Amino acid sequence: MPIRTTLFALAASLLFVGSSFAQSRTTSGTAALDSEGTVRVENHEGQITIETWDRAEVRYEAVVQPESGAEFPDATVVRVQEDSRRFEIRTHYDESKAEDSGFWGGSNQNVMPVEYTLTVPRTAHVEIEDHESDIQVAGLEADVQVDTHDGAVTIRKQVGAAEIDSHDGPITVEEHSGALTIDTHDSRVRLRSVEGETEMDAHDVEVEADGLRGGLQLDAHDGDGRFGFAEVTGDVEIDTHDGGFMLVLPSGTGFDLHTDFSDDADLRADIDLAPYRISAGDDEDEVNYSGQVNGGGPRIELRSHDGSFEIRTQ
């Protein structure tokens, strides 16, 4: 075998062995933080788990998990910045640890998955910026903001405003009290026992919601969903181009019904809609409804070009 071929084969073998047996690395510690301070986590891939306690400090652990065959696993590092009002921990790609070894030209940036586990003050504000991690936040009594591209987001037992921006990852919110804002392109959304105003902006969403108390504003291009209310205490507005959505209301709920339908949009209900049907004008296919149901109450406004709606009571 020629010497040049042998050297390249040896280099490839050493690189494979070195990357295959790269060990996980852990960064951990505690940091003092004001009970109403801010905790920020930035990650690319892996897992982020945030729990709470009644201490004015953050306990953290970040485990870098090198992938098999990674070219520069040691280039993925964890950086921590802290002061009494703000704690930040993030995944960083250190270019100085991914330099050309001499056999190969250039480097291929490949950020390793990192698993973050934090325990934070119960009333601390939380900010998460991520690409595709499995994100879980539980027990928080303050605001939370999550921005992810393709990660799964779960928020449980939270009191405070929640903002979730996810392009294409599943979203679950349970036992939440406060304003809830969800911006997504193509997610599955599950809501359980959510109290407060819920606002959703989506392109093609699938929603299953039960135990809602408050109001709802949904702007969707397409999708389907079922929204079960324990109590309607705010206005409900759904604007969709071509979706199918059901509202399930407690029996006897009073509301002001208004629809703005065009083309083939329609509404079905287990209440008599005849008293609320308004003139269709010249187009008999465009039927709309307006009026006070059960004495009136919060406004339920449904707008669609080619969608379908149902109102059910239980």
C-alpha atoms as a PDB file:
ATOM      1  CA  MET A   1       0.000   0.000   0.000  1.00  0.00           C
ATOM      2  CA  PRO A   2       1.462   3.458  -0.911  1.00  0.00           C
ATOM      3  CA  ILE A   3       2.722   5.531   2.040  1.00  0.00           C
ATOM      4  CA  ARG A   4       0.291   8.421   1.314  1.00  0.00           C
ATOM      5  CA  THR A   5      -2.706   6.041   1.287  1.00  0.00           C
ATOM      6  CA  THR A   6      -1.539   4.443   4.538  1.00  0.00           C
ATOM      7  CA  LEU A   7      -1.202   7.826   6.287  1.00  0.00           C
ATOM      8  CA  PHE A   8      -4.674   8.917   5.247  1.00  0.00           C
ATOM      9  CA  ALA A   9      -6.187   5.611   6.361  1.00  0.00           C
ATOM     10  CA  LEU A  10      -4.449   5.910   9.743  1.00  0.00           C
ATOM     11  CA  ALA A  11      -5.655   9.496  10.183  1.00  0.00           C
ATOM     12  CA  ALA A  12      -9.237   8.529   9.373  1.00  0.00           C
ATOM     13  CA  SER A  13      -9.051   5.601  11.786  1.00  0.00           C
ATOM     14  CA  LEU A  14      -7.715   7.755  14.633  1.00  0.00           C
ATOM     15  CA  LEU A  15     -10.367  10.416  14.017  1.00  0.00           C
ATOM     16  CA  PHE A  16     -13.151   7.816  14.068  1.00  0.00           C
ATOM     17  CA  VAL A  17     -11.885   6.197  17.260  1.00  0.00           C
ATOM     18  CA  GLY A  18     -11.403   9.542  19.008  1.00  0.00           C
ATOM     19  CA  SER A  19     -14.874  10.842  18.160  1.00  0.00           C
ATOM     20  CA  SER A  20     -16.666   7.533  18.823  1.00  0.00           C
ATOM     21  CA  PHE A  21     -15.359   7.347  22.376  1.00  0.00           C
ATOM     22  CA  ALA A  22     -15.785  11.021  23.262  1.00  0.00           C
ATOM     23  CA  GLN A  23     -17.124  11.258  26.802  1.00  0.00           C
ATOM     24  CA  SER A  24     -19.981  13.389  28.052  1.00  0.00           C
ATOM     25  CA  ARG A  25     -18.937  16.522  29.942  1.00  0.00           C
ATOM     26  CA  THR A  26     -20.839  18.139  32.806  1.00  0.00           C
ATOM     27  CA  THR A  27     -20.964  21.753  33.967  1.00  0.00           C
ATOM     28  CA  SER A  28     -22.777  22.244  37.265  1.00  0.00           C
ATOM     29  CA  GLY A  29     -23.060  24.544  40.249  1.00  0.00           C
ATOM     30  CA  THR A  30     -25.263  27.030  42.070  1.00  0.00           C
ATOM     31  CA  ALA A  31     -25.611  30.778  41.701  1.00  0.00           C
ATOM     32  CA  ALA A  32     -27.325  33.358  43.882  1.00  0.00           C
ATOM     33  CA  LEU A  33     -30.267  35.075  42.171  1.00  0.00           C
ATOM     34  CA  ASP A  34     -32.888  37.522  43.313  1.00  0.00           C
ATOM     35  CA  SER A  35     -36.219  35.736  43.770  1.00  0.00           C
ATOM     36  CA  GLU A  36     -37.703  37.846  40.954  1.00  0.00           C
ATOM     37  CA  GLY A  37     -34.631  37.810  38.760  1.00  0.00           C
ATOM     38  CA  THR A  38     -34.345  36.434  35.224  1.00  0.00           C
ATOM     39  CA  VAL A  39     -33.082  33.038  34.097  1.00  0.00           C
ATOM     40  CA  ARG A  40     -32.095  32.632  30.448  1.00  0.00           C
ATOM     41  CA  VAL A  41     -31.177  29.364  28.702  1.00  0.00           C
ATOM     42  CA  GLU A  42     -29.876  29.144  25.127  1.00  0.00           C
ATOM     43  CA  ASN A  43     -29.455  25.748  23.484  1.00  0.00           C
ATOM     44  CA  HIS A  44     -29.348  24.224  20.024  1.00  0.00           C
ATOM     45  CA  GLU A  45     -30.370  20.606  20.555  1.00  0.00           C
ATOM     46  CA  GLY A  46     -30.985  18.276  23.484  1.00  0.00           C
ATOM     47  CA  GLN A  47     -33.146  18.877  26.535  1.00  0.00           C
ATOM     48  CA  ILE A  48     -34.079  21.736  28.848  1.00  0.00           C
ATOM     49  CA  THR A  49     -35.833  20.950  32.142  1.00  0.00           C
ATOM     50  CA  ILE A  50     -36.709  23.743  34.551  1.00  0.00           C
ATOM     51  CA  GLU A  51     -38.173  23.149  38.008  1.00  0.00           C
ATOM     52  CA  THR A  52     -38.661  25.543  40.919  1.00  0.00           C
ATOM     53  CA  TRP A  53     -37.969  25.930  44.602  1.00  0.00           C
ATOM     54  CA  ASP A  54     -38.271  28.610  47.303  1.00  0.00           C
ATOM     55  CA  ARG A  55     -34.570  29.501  47.433  1.00  0.00           C
ATOM     56  CA  ALA A  56     -32.990  32.683  46.059  1.00  0.00           C
ATOM     57  CA  GLU A  57     -30.526  30.762  43.932  1.00  0.00           C
ATOM     58  CA  VAL A  58     -30.217  28.687  40.778  1.00  0.00           C
ATOM     59  CA  ARG A  59     -28.954  25.136  40.752  1.00  0.00           C
ATOM     60  CA  TYR A  60     -27.819  24.041  37.320  1.00  0.00           C
ATOM     61  CA  GLU A  61     -26.367  21.087  35.481  1.00  0.00           C
ATOM     62  CA  ALA A  62     -25.516  20.967  31.783  1.00  0.00           C
ATOM     63  CA  VAL A  63     -24.336  17.731  30.188  1.00  0.00           C
ATOM     64  CA  VAL A  64     -22.766  17.826  26.728  1.00  0.00           C
ATOM     65  CA  GLN A  65     -23.583  14.557  24.965  1.00  0.00           C
ATOM     66  CA  PRO A  66     -21.147  14.002  22.037  1.00  0.00           C
ATOM     67  CA  GLU A  67     -22.667  12.276  19.049  1.00  0.00           C
ATOM     68  CA  SER A  68     -21.006   9.248  17.522  1.00  0.00           C
ATOM     69  CA  GLY A  69     -18.672  10.260  14.709  1.00  0.00           C
ATOM     70  CA  ALA A  70     -18.671  13.969  15.629  1.00  0.00           C
ATOM     71  CA  GLU A  71     -15.662  15.756  14.168  1.00  0.00           C
ATOM     72  CA  PHE A  72     -14.974  18.208  17.007  1.00  0.00           C
ATOM     73  CA  PRO A  73     -17.082  17.201  20.042  1.00  0.00           C
ATOM     74  CA  ASP A  74     -14.977  19.283  22.427  1.00  0.00           C
ATOM     75  CA  ALA A  75     -15.857  22.463  20.535  1.00  0.00           C
ATOM     76  CA  THR A  76     -19.342  22.440  22.115  1.00  0.00           C
ATOM     77  CA  VAL A  77     -19.008  24.128  25.500  1.00  0.00           C
ATOM     78  CA  VAL A  78     -21.317  25.622  28.114  1.00  0.00           C
ATOM     79  CA  ARG A  79     -20.967  29.251  29.163  1.00  0.00           C
ATOM     80  CA  VAL A  80     -22.397  30.737  32.380  1.00  0.00           C
ATOM     81  CA  GLN A  81     -22.901  34.424  33.207  1.00  0.00           C
ATOM     82  CA  GLU A  82     -24.406  35.480  36.501  1.00  0.00           C
ATOM     83  CA  ASP A  83     -25.194  38.391  38.776  1.00  0.00           C
ATOM     84  CA  SER A  84     -27.799  39.000  41.450  1.00  0.00           C
ATOM     85  CA  ARG A  85     -30.542  39.939  38.948  1.00  0.00           C
ATOM     86  CA  ARG A  86     -29.806  37.737  35.936  1.00  0.00           C
ATOM     87  CA  PHE A  87     -28.495  34.230  35.330  1.00  0.00           C
ATOM     88  CA  GLU A  88     -27.595  33.071  31.809  1.00  0.00           C
ATOM     89  CA  ILE A  89     -26.412  29.667  30.648  1.00  0.00           C
ATOM     90  CA  ARG A  90     -25.897  28.814  27.000  1.00  0.00           C
ATOM     91  CA  THR A  91     -24.457  26.374  24.520  1.00  0.00           C
ATOM     92  CA  HIS A  92     -21.460  27.839  22.689  1.00  0.00           C
ATOM     93  CA  TYR A  93     -19.410  26.559  19.756  1.00  0.00           C
ATOM     94  CA  ASP A  94     -15.742  27.333  20.425  1.00  0.00           C
ATOM     95  CA  GLU A  95     -14.034  27.746  17.047  1.00  0.00           C
ATOM     96  CA  SER A  96     -10.601  27.573  18.653  1.00  0.00           C
ATOM     97  CA  LYS A  97     -11.265  23.915  19.512  1.00  0.00           C
ATOM     98  CA  ALA A  98     -12.223  23.041  15.953  1.00  0.00           C
ATOM     99  CA  GLU A  99      -9.046  24.029  14.123  1.00  0.00           C
ATOM    100  CA  ASP A 100      -7.607  22.179  11.139  1.00  0.00           C
ATOM    101  CA  SER A 101      -5.651  19.138  12.368  1.00  0.00           C
ATOM    102  CA  GLY A 102      -3.297  19.227   9.380  1.00  0.00           C
ATOM    103  CA  PHE A 103      -4.730  16.272   7.457  1.00  0.00           C
ATOM    104  CA  TRP A 104      -8.052  17.929   6.594  1.00  0.00           C
ATOM    105  CA  GLY A 105      -8.764  21.417   5.346  1.00  0.00           C
ATOM    106  CA  GLY A 106     -11.310  23.538   7.238  1.00  0.00           C
ATOM    107  CA  SER A 107     -13.853  22.422   9.836  1.00  0.00           C
ATOM    108  CA  ASN A 108     -17.494  21.372   9.835  1.00  0.00           C
ATOM    109  CA  GLN A 109     -19.392  23.076  12.669  1.00  0.00           C
ATOM    110  CA  ASN A 110     -21.523  20.505  14.477  1.00  0.00           C
ATOM    111  CA  VAL A 111     -22.997  21.586  17.819  1.00  0.00           C
ATOM    112  CA  MET A 112     -23.471  18.641  20.188  1.00  0.00           C
ATOM    113  CA  PRO A 113     -26.720  18.025  22.095  1.00  0.00           C
ATOM    114  CA  VAL A 114     -26.733  19.439  25.629  1.00  0.00           C
ATOM    115  CA  GLU A 115     -29.067  18.395  28.448  1.00  0.00           C
ATOM    116  CA  TYR A 116     -29.870  21.245  30.837  1.00  0.00           C
ATOM    117  CA  THR A 117     -31.490  20.743  34.232  1.00  0.00           C
ATOM    118  CA  LEU A 118     -32.170  23.847  36.331  1.00  0.00           C
ATOM    119  CA  THR A 119     -33.937  24.519  39.609  1.00  0.00           C
ATOM    120  CA  VAL A 120     -34.805  28.216  39.824  1.00  0.00           C
ATOM    121  CA  PRO A 121     -36.602  30.550  42.257  1.00  0.00           C
ATOM    122  CA  ARG A 122     -40.326  29.981  41.950  1.00  0.00           C
ATOM    123  CA  THR A 123     -40.953  33.643  41.058  1.00  0.00           C
ATOM    124  CA  ALA A 124     -38.055  34.055  38.623  1.00  0.00           C
ATOM    125  CA  HIS A 125     -38.756  35.056  35.028  1.00  0.00           C
ATOM    126  CA  VAL A 126     -37.628  32.447  32.504  1.00  0.00           C
ATOM    127  CA  GLU A 127     -36.431  32.962  28.923  1.00  0.00           C
ATOM    128  CA  ILE A 128     -35.547  30.071  26.614  1.00  0.00           C
ATOM    129  CA  GLU A 129     -34.067  30.348  23.124  1.00  0.00           C
ATOM    130  CA  ASP A 130     -33.630  27.035  21.361  1.00  0.00           C
ATOM    131  CA  HIS A 131     -33.615  25.189  18.048  1.00  0.00           C
ATOM    132  CA  GLU A 132     -34.872  21.634  18.674  1.00  0.00           C
ATOM    133  CA  SER A 133     -34.699  20.594  22.320  1.00  0.00           C
ATOM    134  CA  ASP A 134     -37.301  18.868  24.454  1.00  0.00           C
ATOM    135  CA  ILE A 135     -38.360  21.717  26.765  1.00  0.00           C
ATOM    136  CA  GLN A 136     -40.221  21.303  30.066  1.00  0.00           C
ATOM    137  CA  VAL A 137     -41.057  24.046  32.578  1.00  0.00           C
ATOM    138  CA  ALA A 138     -43.028  23.288  35.761  1.00  0.00           C
ATOM    139  CA  GLY A 139     -44.110  25.104  38.913  1.00  0.00           C
ATOM    140  CA  LEU A 140     -43.254  28.658  37.865  1.00  0.00           C
ATOM    141  CA  GLU A 141     -45.080  31.647  39.379  1.00  0.00           C
ATOM    142  CA  ALA A 142     -43.790  34.228  36.921  1.00  0.00           C
ATOM    143  CA  ASP A 143     -43.651  34.916  33.198  1.00  0.00           C
ATOM    144  CA  VAL A 144     -42.031  32.493  30.760  1.00  0.00           C
ATOM    145  CA  GLN A 145     -40.926  33.012  27.150  1.00  0.00           C
ATOM    146  CA  VAL A 146     -39.978  30.124  24.858  1.00  0.00           C
ATOM    147  CA  ASP A 147     -38.621  30.563  21.339  1.00  0.00           C
ATOM    148  CA  THR A 148     -37.840  27.316  19.520  1.00  0.00           C
ATOM    149  CA  HIS A 149     -37.852  26.065  15.944  1.00  0.00           C
ATOM    150  CA  ASP A 150     -38.682  22.392  16.195  1.00  0.00           C
ATOM    151  CA  GLY A 151     -38.624  21.509  19.882  1.00  0.00           C
ATOM    152  CA  ALA A 152     -41.374  19.985  21.993  1.00  0.00           C
ATOM    153  CA  VAL A 153     -42.609  22.479  24.610  1.00  0.00           C
ATOM    154  CA  THR A 154     -44.436  21.525  27.815  1.00  0.00           C
ATOM    155  CA  ILE A 155     -45.471  24.058  30.473  1.00  0.00           C
ATOM    156  CA  ARG A 156     -47.222  22.825  33.607  1.00  0.00           C
ATOM    157  CA  LYS A 157     -48.514  24.429  36.800  1.00  0.00           C
ATOM    158  CA  GLN A 158     -47.571  27.972  35.880  1.00  0.00           C
ATOM    159  CA  VAL A 159     -49.020  31.245  37.148  1.00  0.00           C
ATOM    160  CA  GLY A 160     -48.074  34.175  34.937  1.00  0.00           C
ATOM    161  CA  ALA A 161     -47.926  35.119  31.288  1.00  0.00           C
ATOM    162  CA  ALA A 162     -46.590  32.517  28.862  1.00  0.00           C
ATOM    163  CA  GLU A 163     -45.325  33.219  25.333  1.00  0.00           C
ATOM    164  CA  ILE A 164     -44.449  30.293  23.075  1.00  0.00           C
ATOM    165  CA  ASP A 165     -43.031  30.726  19.579  1.00  0.00           C
ATOM    166  CA  SER A 166     -42.517  27.388  17.825  1.00  0.00           C
ATOM    167  CA  HIS A 167     -42.325  26.696  14.113  1.00  0.00           C
ATOM    168  CA  ASP A 168     -43.078  22.995  14.037  1.00  0.00           C
ATOM    169  CA  GLY A 169     -42.933  21.377  17.468  1.00  0.00           C
ATOM    170  CA  PRO A 170     -45.725  19.983  19.682  1.00  0.00           C
ATOM    171  CA  ILE A 171     -46.942  22.298  22.449  1.00  0.00           C
ATOM    172  CA  THR A 172     -48.611  21.301  25.725  1.00  0.00           C
ATOM    173  CA  VAL A 173     -49.843  23.712  28.403  1.00  0.00           C
ATOM    174  CA  GLU A 174     -51.508  22.353  31.532  1.00  0.00           C
ATOM    175  CA  GLU A 175     -52.752  23.957  34.767  1.00  0.00           C
ATOM    176  CA  HIS A 176     -51.877  27.447  33.628  1.00  0.00           C
ATOM    177  CA  SER A 177     -53.233  30.761  34.916  1.00  0.00           C
ATOM    178  CA  GLY A 178     -52.416  33.951  33.033  1.00  0.00           C
ATOM    179  CA  ALA A 179     -52.235  35.282  29.502  1.00  0.00           C
ATOM    180  CA  LEU A 180     -51.154  32.621  27.004  1.00  0.00           C
ATOM    181  CA  THR A 181     -49.741  33.525  23.584  1.00  0.00           C
ATOM    182  CA  ILE A 182     -48.807  30.883  21.024  1.00  0.00           C
ATOM    183  CA  ASP A 183     -47.268  31.630  17.626  1.00  0.00           C
ATOM    184  CA  THR A 184     -46.703  28.569  15.453  1.00  0.00           C
ATOM    185  CA  HIS A 185     -46.569  27.458  11.854  1.00  0.00           C
ATOM    186  CA  ASP A 186     -47.552  23.790  12.000  1.00  0.00           C
ATOM    187  CA  SER A 187     -47.813  22.488  15.572  1.00  0.00           C
ATOM    188  CA  ARG A 188     -50.025  20.161  17.561  1.00  0.00           C
ATOM    189  CA  VAL A 189     -51.309  22.114  20.568  1.00  0.00           C
ATOM    190  CA  ARG A 190     -52.778  20.545  23.719  1.00  0.00           C
ATOM    191  CA  LEU A 191     -54.321  22.766  26.411  1.00  0.00           C
ATOM    192  CA  ARG A 192     -55.662  21.527  29.749  1.00  0.00           C
ATOM    193  CA  SER A 193     -57.074  23.690  32.566  1.00  0.00           C
ATOM    194  CA  VAL A 194     -55.951  27.042  31.159  1.00  0.00           C
ATOM    195  CA  GLU A 195     -57.354  30.149  32.849  1.00  0.00           C
ATOM    196  CA  GLY A 196     -56.934  33.544  31.199  1.00  0.00           C
ATOM    197  CA  GLU A 197     -56.860  35.029  27.730  1.00  0.00           C
ATOM    198  CA  THR A 198     -55.504  32.656  25.084  1.00  0.00           C
ATOM    199  CA  GLU A 199     -54.165  34.051  21.821  1.00  0.00           C
ATOM    200  CA  MET A 200     -52.956  31.815  18.983  1.00  0.00           C
ATOM    201  CA  ASP A 201     -51.518  32.705  15.588  1.00  0.00           C
ATOM    202  CA  ALA A 202     -50.954  29.688  13.338  1.00  0.00           C
ATOM    203  CA  HIS A 203     -50.698  28.581   9.754  1.00  0.00           C
ATOM    204  CA  ASP A 204     -51.818  24.969  10.013  1.00  0.00           C
ATOM    205  CA  VAL A 205     -52.582  24.051  13.605  1.00  0.00           C
ATOM    206  CA  GLU A 206     -54.163  21.058  15.343  1.00  0.00           C
ATOM    207  CA  VAL A 207     -55.674  21.958  18.737  1.00  0.00           C
ATOM    208  CA  GLU A 208     -57.245  19.923  21.516  1.00  0.00           C
ATOM    209  CA  ALA A 209     -58.281  22.050  24.491  1.00  0.00           C
ATOM    210  CA  ASP A 210     -60.315  21.279  27.630  1.00  0.00           C
ATOM    211  CA  GLY A 211     -61.076  23.182  30.802  1.00  0.00           C
ATOM    212  CA  LEU A 212     -60.602  26.674  29.353  1.00  0.00           C
ATOM    213  CA  ARG A 213     -61.664  29.618  31.505  1.00  0.00           C
ATOM    214  CA  GLY A 214     -61.416  32.976  29.812  1.00  0.00           C
ATOM    215  CA  GLY A 215     -61.404  34.227  26.237  1.00  0.00           C
ATOM    216  CA  LEU A 216     -59.869  33.015  22.988  1.00  0.00           C
ATOM    217  CA  GLN A 217     -58.415  34.659  19.924  1.00  0.00           C
ATOM    218  CA  LEU A 218     -57.338  32.348  17.094  1.00  0.00           C
ATOM    219  CA  ASP A 219     -55.984  33.441  13.728  1.00  0.00           C
ATOM    220  CA  ALA A 220     -55.255  30.437  11.508  1.00  0.00           C
ATOM    221  CA  HIS A 221     -54.908  29.814   7.804  1.00  0.00           C
ATOM    222  CA  ASP A 222     -55.827  26.155   8.025  1.00  0.00           C
ATOM    223  CA  GLY A 223     -56.159  23.451  10.653  1.00  0.00           C
ATOM    224  CA  ASP A 224     -58.679  21.947  13.008  1.00  0.00           C
ATOM    225  CA  GLY A 225     -59.418  22.094  16.699  1.00  0.00           C
ATOM    226  CA  ARG A 226     -61.772  21.502  19.578  1.00  0.00           C
ATOM    227  CA  PHE A 227     -61.979  24.132  22.331  1.00  0.00           C
ATOM    228  CA  GLY A 228     -63.770  22.938  25.460  1.00  0.00           C
ATOM    229  CA  PHE A 229     -64.683  25.717  27.902  1.00  0.00           C
ATOM    230  CA  ALA A 230     -65.344  25.327  31.587  1.00  0.00           C
ATOM    231  CA  GLU A 231     -66.422  28.992  31.565  1.00  0.00           C
ATOM    232  CA  VAL A 232     -66.468  31.699  28.903  1.00  0.00           C
ATOM    233  CA  THR A 233     -65.416  34.911  30.639  1.00  0.00           C
ATOM    234  CA  GLY A 234     -63.940  36.765  27.665  1.00  0.00           C
ATOM    235  CA  ASP A 235     -64.613  37.263  23.977  1.00  0.00           C
ATOM    236  CA  VAL A 236     -63.978  34.404  21.545  1.00  0.00           C
ATOM    237  CA  GLU A 237     -62.759  35.263  18.034  1.00  0.00           C
ATOM    238  CA  ILE A 238     -61.751  32.704  15.419  1.00  0.00           C
ATOM    239  CA  ASP A 239     -60.537  33.803  11.995  1.00  0.00           C
ATOM    240  CA  THR A 240     -59.603  31.029   9.576  1.00  0.00           C
ATOM    241  CA  HIS A 241     -59.298  30.618   5.828  1.00  0.00           C
ATOM    242  CA  ASP A 242     -60.046  26.919   5.528  1.00  0.00           C
ATOM    243  CA  GLY A 243     -60.135  25.266   8.945  1.00  0.00           C
ATOM    244  CA  GLY A 244     -62.629  23.297  10.994  1.00  0.00           C
ATOM    245  CA  PHE A 245     -63.142  24.298  14.637  1.00  0.00           C
ATOM    246  CA  MET A 246     -65.548  23.309  17.406  1.00  0.00           C
ATOM    247  CA  LEU A 247     -66.518  25.251  20.524  1.00  0.00           C
ATOM    248  CA  VAL A 248     -67.897  23.250  23.438  1.00  0.00           C
ATOM    249  CA  LEU A 249     -69.643  25.495  25.981  1.00  0.00           C
ATOM    250  CA  PRO A 250     -71.291  24.836  29.346  1.00  0.00           C
ATOM    251  CA  SER A 251     -75.036  24.407  28.969  1.00  0.00           C
ATOM    252  CA  GLY A 252     -76.910  27.712  29.258  1.00  0.00           C
ATOM    253  CA  THR A 253     -73.906  29.920  28.431  1.00  0.00           C
ATOM    254  CA  GLY A 254     -75.014  33.347  27.248  1.00  0.00           C
ATOM    255  CA  PHE A 255     -73.107  34.981  24.401  1.00  0.00           C
ATOM    256  CA  ASP A 256     -73.396  37.433  21.524  1.00  0.00           C
ATOM    257  CA  LEU A 257     -73.024  35.499  18.278  1.00  0.00           C
ATOM    258  CA  HIS A 258     -71.622  37.113  15.142  1.00  0.00           C
ATOM    259  CA  THR A 259     -70.357  35.445  11.959  1.00  0.00           C
ATOM    260  CA  ASP A 260     -68.663  36.778   8.848  1.00  0.00           C
ATOM    261  CA  PHE A 261     -68.690  33.964   6.289  1.00  0.00           C
ATOM    262  CA  SER A 262     -68.013  33.948   2.572  1.00  0.00           C
ATOM    263  CA  ASP A 263     -68.101  31.263  -0.109  1.00  0.00           C
ATOM    264  CA  ASP A 264     -68.598  27.839   1.521  1.00  0.00           C
ATOM    265  CA  ALA A 265     -68.081  28.630   5.223  1.00  0.00           C
ATOM    266  CA  ASP A 266     -70.783  27.240   7.511  1.00  0.00           C
ATOM    267  CA  LEU A 267     -71.896  26.886  11.138  1.00  0.00           C
ATOM    268  CA  ARG A 268     -73.613  23.956  12.847  1.00  0.00           C
ATOM    269  CA  ALA A 269     -74.876  23.893  16.430  1.00  0.00           C
ATOM    270  CA  ASP A 270     -77.004  21.931  18.879  1.00  0.00           C
ATOM    271  CA  ILE A 271     -78.965  25.119  19.575  1.00  0.00           C
ATOM    272  CA  ASP A 272     -81.605  26.538  17.248  1.00  0.00           C
ATOM    273  CA  LEU A 273     -79.798  28.988  14.957  1.00  0.00           C
ATOM    274  CA  ALA A 274     -82.888  30.099  13.046  1.00  0.00           C
ATOM    275  CA  PRO A 275     -83.607  33.166  15.235  1.00  0.00           C
ATOM    276  CA  TYR A 276     -80.101  34.477  14.612  1.00  0.00           C
ATOM    277  CA  ARG A 277     -79.919  33.936  10.857  1.00  0.00           C
ATOM    278  CA  ILE A 278     -79.516  37.206   8.985  1.00  0.00           C
ATOM    279  CA  SER A 279     -80.266  38.089   5.397  1.00  0.00           C
ATOM    280  CA  ALA A 280     -77.914  36.524   2.909  1.00  0.00           C
ATOM    281  CA  GLY A 281     -78.504  39.243   0.338  1.00  0.00           C
ATOM    282  CA  ASP A 282     -78.180  38.215  -3.289  1.00  0.00           C
ATOM    283  CA  ASP A 283     -76.095  35.122  -2.535  1.00  0.00           C
ATOM    284  CA  GLU A 284     -78.220  32.454  -0.845  1.00  0.00           C
ATOM    285  CA  ASP A 285     -75.107  30.342  -0.217  1.00  0.00           C
ATOM    286  CA  GLU A 286     -73.637  32.937   2.142  1.00  0.00           C
ATOM    287  CA  VAL A 287     -75.485  32.546   5.432  1.00  0.00           C
ATOM    288  CA  ASN A 288     -74.503  34.530   8.519  1.00  0.00           C
ATOM    289  CA  TYR A 289     -75.747  34.782  12.083  1.00  0.00           C
ATOM    290  CA  SER A 290     -76.023  37.565  14.618  1.00  0.00           C
ATOM    291  CA  GLY A 291     -77.842  37.868  17.921  1.00  0.00           C
ATOM    292  CA  GLN A 292     -77.884  37.324  21.660  1.00  0.00           C
ATOM    293  CA  VAL A 293     -77.983  33.668  22.640  1.00  0.00           C
ATOM    294  CA  ASN A 294     -79.335  32.836  26.119  1.00  0.00           C
ATOM    295  CA  GLY A 295     -79.612  36.523  26.941  1.00  0.00           C
ATOM    296  CA  GLY A 296     -76.203  37.467  25.562  1.00  0.00           C
ATOM    297  CA  GLY A 297     -72.759  37.755  27.114  1.00  0.00           C
ATOM    298  CA  PRO A 298     -69.208  37.642  25.792  1.00  0.00           C
ATOM    299  CA  ARG A 299     -68.885  38.040  22.044  1.00  0.00           C
ATOM    300  CA  ILE A 300     -68.327  34.911  19.920  1.00  0.00           C
ATOM    301  CA  GLU A 301     -67.219  36.019  16.466  1.00  0.00           C
ATOM    302  CA  LEU A 302     -66.434  33.499  13.729  1.00  0.00           C
ATOM    303  CA  ARG A 303     -64.871  34.554  10.433  1.00  0.00           C
ATOM    304  CA  SER A 304     -63.946  32.310   7.517  1.00  0.00           C
ATOM    305  CA  HIS A 305     -63.613  32.096   3.769  1.00  0.00           C
ATOM    306  CA  ASP A 306     -64.090  28.363   3.365  1.00  0.00           C
ATOM    307  CA  GLY A 307     -64.074  26.856   6.864  1.00  0.00           C
ATOM    308  CA  SER A 308     -66.555  25.100   9.117  1.00  0.00           C
ATOM    309  CA  PHE A 309     -67.589  25.685  12.738  1.00  0.00           C
ATOM    310  CA  GLU A 310     -69.594  23.878  15.369  1.00  0.00           C
ATOM    311  CA  ILE A 311     -71.015  25.104  18.670  1.00  0.00           C
ATOM    312  CA  ARG A 312     -71.913  22.367  21.152  1.00  0.00           C
ATOM    313  CA  THR A 313     -73.152  22.538  24.734  1.00  0.00           C
ATOM    314  CA  GLN A 314     -72.696  20.129  27.614  1.00  0.00           C
END
